Amino acid sequence: MFLSIDGGDGTGKSTQSELLCRWLREQGREVVGCRDPGSTPLGEAVRELVLNRHDLAIDRRSEMLLYMASRSQLVEEVIRPALDAGKTVVADRYLLANVVYQGHAGGLDVETLWEIGRVATGRLMPRLTLLLDMPAAAAAGRISGGRDRMEQQGEAFHARVCEGFLAEAARRDEVVVINAAASIQQVQAEIRNAVTQIMNS
């Protein structure tokens, strides 16, 4: 089973991914957690490049293709082998983030991004995507310490990110919207409920 958790910056994706992995293991499942971009040597190099190289100009299309390359490697090196071995995979972000950040918010064509993404991933998509949703301004207030390149894109950009995620959720049955403004425990309870329904279906 392949699951992903997505949403705007500051919505709690990493925390909720870790809690979900722990709970799934308690249910007796073998679980592989990963982050996109990242979780492979190539992916971590791309992550450093696109998020932390503030001195480097990266065009939006180049940015999108770097994310796609990282994800392609993640699928081939981590996700597909884990699924083939009968394990459950929980990804902290996946293709939906690329579509929203570089498409809805960044101005690239959304349908083109979906098609490039299908090629990059060999059409491997999560069975369920848990979308953590809350107002961009409130989410930004949760971010502590230095901000990466994407977190520094500005209020208008992140407002478009929120709108883009909800627009995609409205047209995709595999995306479930979770109220990320609730407590960590409440958010995790909603996530577990959605995952349980998928496991029982």
Protein backbone atom coordinates (compact mmCIF):
# COMPACT_ATOMS: atom_id res chain seq x y z
CA MET A 1 0.00 0.00 0.00
CA PHE A 2 1.35 3.39 -1.04
CA LEU A 3 0.29 6.47 0.96
CA SER A 4 1.43 10.09 0.76
CA ILE A 5 0.99 13.09 3.02
CA ASP A 6 1.04 16.53 1.45
CA GLY A 7 0.10 20.14 2.07
CA GLY A 8 1.57 23.61 2.37
CA ASP A 9 4.70 24.47 4.31
CA GLY A 10 4.13 24.44 8.06
CA THR A 11 1.08 22.17 8.04
CA GLY A 12 2.82 19.36 9.96
CA LYS A 13 3.53 16.84 7.20
CA SER A 14 6.75 15.45 8.66
CA THR A 15 5.30 15.05 12.15
CA GLN A 16 2.16 13.36 10.86
CA SER A 17 4.16 11.09 8.51
CA GLU A 18 6.28 9.87 11.42
CA LEU A 19 3.21 9.24 13.59
CA LEU A 20 1.45 7.39 10.78
CA CYS A 21 4.48 5.17 10.16
CA ARG A 22 4.69 4.33 13.86
CA TRP A 23 0.98 3.46 14.02
CA LEU A 24 1.13 1.29 10.90
CA ARG A 25 4.06 -0.63 12.37
CA GLU A 26 2.00 -1.19 15.51
CA GLN A 27 -0.62 -2.76 13.24
CA GLY A 28 1.99 -5.31 12.17
CA ARG A 29 2.89 -3.79 8.82
CA GLU A 30 6.40 -3.41 7.44
CA VAL A 31 6.64 0.30 6.68
CA VAL A 32 9.09 2.35 4.61
CA GLY A 33 8.95 6.10 5.18
CA CYS A 34 10.50 8.48 2.66
CA ARG A 35 10.56 12.14 1.75
CA ASP A 36 10.19 13.76 -1.66
CA PRO A 37 12.61 15.21 -2.62
CA GLY A 38 15.13 13.05 -0.80
CA SER A 39 15.61 9.54 0.59
CA THR A 40 18.18 8.59 -2.08
CA PRO A 41 21.68 10.01 -2.63
CA LEU A 42 20.46 11.77 -5.78
CA GLY A 43 17.29 12.96 -4.07
CA GLU A 44 19.17 14.43 -1.11
CA ALA A 45 21.54 16.24 -3.49
CA VAL A 46 18.57 17.69 -5.39
CA ARG A 47 16.89 18.64 -2.10
CA GLU A 48 19.95 20.61 -1.03
CA LEU A 49 20.11 22.29 -4.43
CA VAL A 50 16.47 23.36 -4.79
CA LEU A 51 15.78 24.23 -1.16
CA ASN A 52 19.01 25.58 0.30
CA ARG A 53 21.09 27.08 -2.51
CA HIS A 54 19.89 30.66 -2.09
CA ASP A 55 22.78 31.91 -4.23
CA LEU A 56 21.65 29.94 -7.28
CA ALA A 57 19.02 31.18 -9.74
CA ILE A 58 16.66 28.33 -10.65
CA ASP A 59 14.00 28.90 -13.31
CA ARG A 60 10.56 27.50 -12.40
CA ARG A 61 10.69 24.92 -15.21
CA SER A 62 14.20 23.84 -14.22
CA GLU A 63 13.01 23.62 -10.61
CA MET A 64 10.13 21.38 -11.65
CA LEU A 65 12.39 19.06 -13.65
CA LEU A 66 14.84 18.73 -10.76
CA TYR A 67 11.98 17.63 -8.50
CA MET A 68 10.81 15.18 -11.16
CA ALA A 69 14.30 13.67 -11.49
CA SER A 70 14.53 13.22 -7.73
CA ARG A 71 11.11 11.55 -7.63
CA SER A 72 11.95 9.22 -10.51
CA GLN A 73 14.99 7.98 -8.58
CA LEU A 74 12.92 7.67 -5.40
CA VAL A 75 10.40 5.45 -7.17
CA GLU A 76 13.02 3.17 -8.71
CA GLU A 77 15.34 2.95 -5.70
CA VAL A 78 12.93 3.01 -2.74
CA ILE A 79 9.18 3.00 -3.39
CA ARG A 80 8.71 0.35 -6.08
CA PRO A 81 11.08 -2.19 -4.45
CA ALA A 82 9.31 -1.73 -1.11
CA LEU A 83 5.87 -2.23 -2.66
CA ASP A 84 7.09 -5.27 -4.60
CA ALA A 85 8.26 -6.73 -1.28
CA GLY A 86 4.77 -6.28 0.20
CA LYS A 87 5.68 -3.32 2.39
CA THR A 88 3.65 -0.17 3.06
CA VAL A 89 5.19 3.09 1.87
CA VAL A 90 4.45 6.49 3.42
CA ALA A 91 5.84 9.42 1.42
CA ASP A 92 6.24 12.91 2.85
CA ARG A 93 5.15 14.70 -0.37
CA TYR A 94 4.87 13.27 -3.88
CA LEU A 95 3.84 14.36 -7.37
CA LEU A 96 0.85 16.41 -6.18
CA ALA A 97 3.24 18.89 -4.54
CA ASN A 98 5.08 19.43 -7.83
CA VAL A 99 1.80 20.06 -9.65
CA VAL A 100 0.66 22.58 -7.04
CA TYR A 101 3.89 24.45 -6.29
CA GLN A 102 5.24 24.75 -9.83
CA GLY A 103 1.84 24.61 -11.58
CA HIS A 104 -0.98 26.26 -9.65
CA ALA A 105 1.32 28.59 -7.71
CA GLY A 106 4.29 28.83 -10.08
CA GLY A 107 2.48 29.35 -13.36
CA LEU A 108 3.40 26.21 -15.31
CA ASP A 109 0.67 24.25 -17.07
CA VAL A 110 -0.96 21.86 -14.62
CA GLU A 111 -1.94 19.12 -17.06
CA THR A 112 1.55 19.12 -18.57
CA LEU A 113 3.01 18.63 -15.09
CA TRP A 114 0.72 15.67 -14.42
CA GLU A 115 1.82 14.06 -17.70
CA ILE A 116 5.53 14.66 -17.02
CA GLY A 117 4.95 13.25 -13.56
CA ARG A 118 3.34 10.11 -14.92
CA VAL A 119 6.40 9.54 -17.11
CA ALA A 120 8.85 10.29 -14.26
CA THR A 121 7.14 7.88 -11.86
CA GLY A 122 6.27 5.13 -14.32
CA ARG A 123 2.64 5.99 -13.48
CA LEU A 124 3.08 4.87 -9.88
CA MET A 125 0.65 6.88 -7.76
CA PRO A 126 -0.39 6.68 -4.09
CA ARG A 127 -3.57 4.81 -3.30
CA LEU A 128 -4.38 7.60 -0.85
CA THR A 129 -3.03 11.13 -0.42
CA LEU A 130 -3.73 12.84 2.90
CA LEU A 131 -3.83 16.58 2.29
CA LEU A 132 -3.12 18.68 5.38
CA ASP A 133 -5.00 21.94 4.90
CA MET A 134 -4.89 25.20 6.83
CA PRO A 135 -4.60 28.90 5.93
CA ALA A 136 -1.16 29.77 4.57
CA ALA A 137 -0.58 32.61 7.02
CA ALA A 138 -1.33 30.38 10.02
CA ALA A 139 0.90 27.62 8.65
CA ALA A 140 3.75 30.08 8.08
CA GLY A 141 3.57 31.04 11.74
CA ARG A 142 4.47 27.47 12.67
CA ILE A 143 7.78 27.54 10.78
CA SER A 144 10.71 28.17 13.09
CA GLY A 145 14.34 28.83 12.25
CA GLY A 146 15.66 29.66 8.80
CA ARG A 147 13.36 29.26 5.82
CA ASP A 148 14.22 27.35 2.66
CA ARG A 149 13.78 28.67 -0.89
CA MET A 150 10.19 27.46 -1.21
CA GLU A 151 9.20 28.78 2.21
CA GLN A 152 10.52 32.21 1.19
CA GLN A 153 8.29 32.54 -1.90
CA GLY A 154 5.93 35.06 -0.28
CA GLU A 155 2.37 35.21 1.02
CA ALA A 156 0.65 35.44 -2.38
CA PHE A 157 2.54 32.37 -3.63
CA HIS A 158 1.62 30.31 -0.59
CA ALA A 159 -2.01 31.41 -0.82
CA ARG A 160 -2.01 30.04 -4.39
CA VAL A 161 -0.45 26.83 -3.04
CA CYS A 162 -3.38 26.37 -0.65
CA GLU A 163 -5.90 27.07 -3.40
CA GLY A 164 -4.10 24.70 -5.76
CA PHE A 165 -4.10 21.83 -3.31
CA LEU A 166 -7.83 22.23 -2.68
CA ALA A 167 -8.55 22.50 -6.41
CA GLU A 168 -6.75 19.22 -7.07
CA ALA A 169 -8.43 17.53 -4.08
CA ALA A 170 -11.83 18.51 -5.45
CA ARG A 171 -11.20 16.57 -8.66
CA ARG A 172 -9.28 13.57 -7.33
CA ASP A 173 -11.01 10.84 -5.32
CA GLU A 174 -7.72 9.56 -3.89
CA VAL A 175 -7.05 12.87 -2.09
CA VAL A 176 -8.60 13.29 1.38
CA VAL A 177 -8.51 16.75 2.98
CA ILE A 178 -7.54 16.83 6.67
CA ASN A 179 -7.96 19.94 8.87
CA ALA A 180 -4.35 20.62 9.86
CA ALA A 181 -5.32 23.48 12.19
CA ALA A 182 -6.51 20.95 14.79
CA SER A 183 -4.21 19.46 17.45
CA ILE A 184 -1.52 16.97 16.44
CA GLN A 185 -3.56 14.18 18.05
CA GLN A 186 -6.79 15.19 16.27
CA VAL A 187 -5.05 15.41 12.91
CA GLN A 188 -3.48 11.99 13.41
CA ALA A 189 -6.84 10.52 14.40
CA GLU A 190 -8.38 11.80 11.14
CA ILE A 191 -5.46 10.39 9.17
CA ARG A 192 -5.76 6.98 10.82
CA ASN A 193 -9.49 6.91 10.16
CA ALA A 194 -8.96 7.64 6.44
CA VAL A 195 -6.20 5.03 6.18
CA THR A 196 -8.29 2.43 8.02
CA GLN A 197 -11.11 2.89 5.50
CA ILE A 198 -8.65 2.26 2.65
CA MET A 199 -7.19 -0.81 4.37
CA ASN A 200 -10.66 -2.25 4.91
CA SER A 201 -11.93 -1.56 1.40
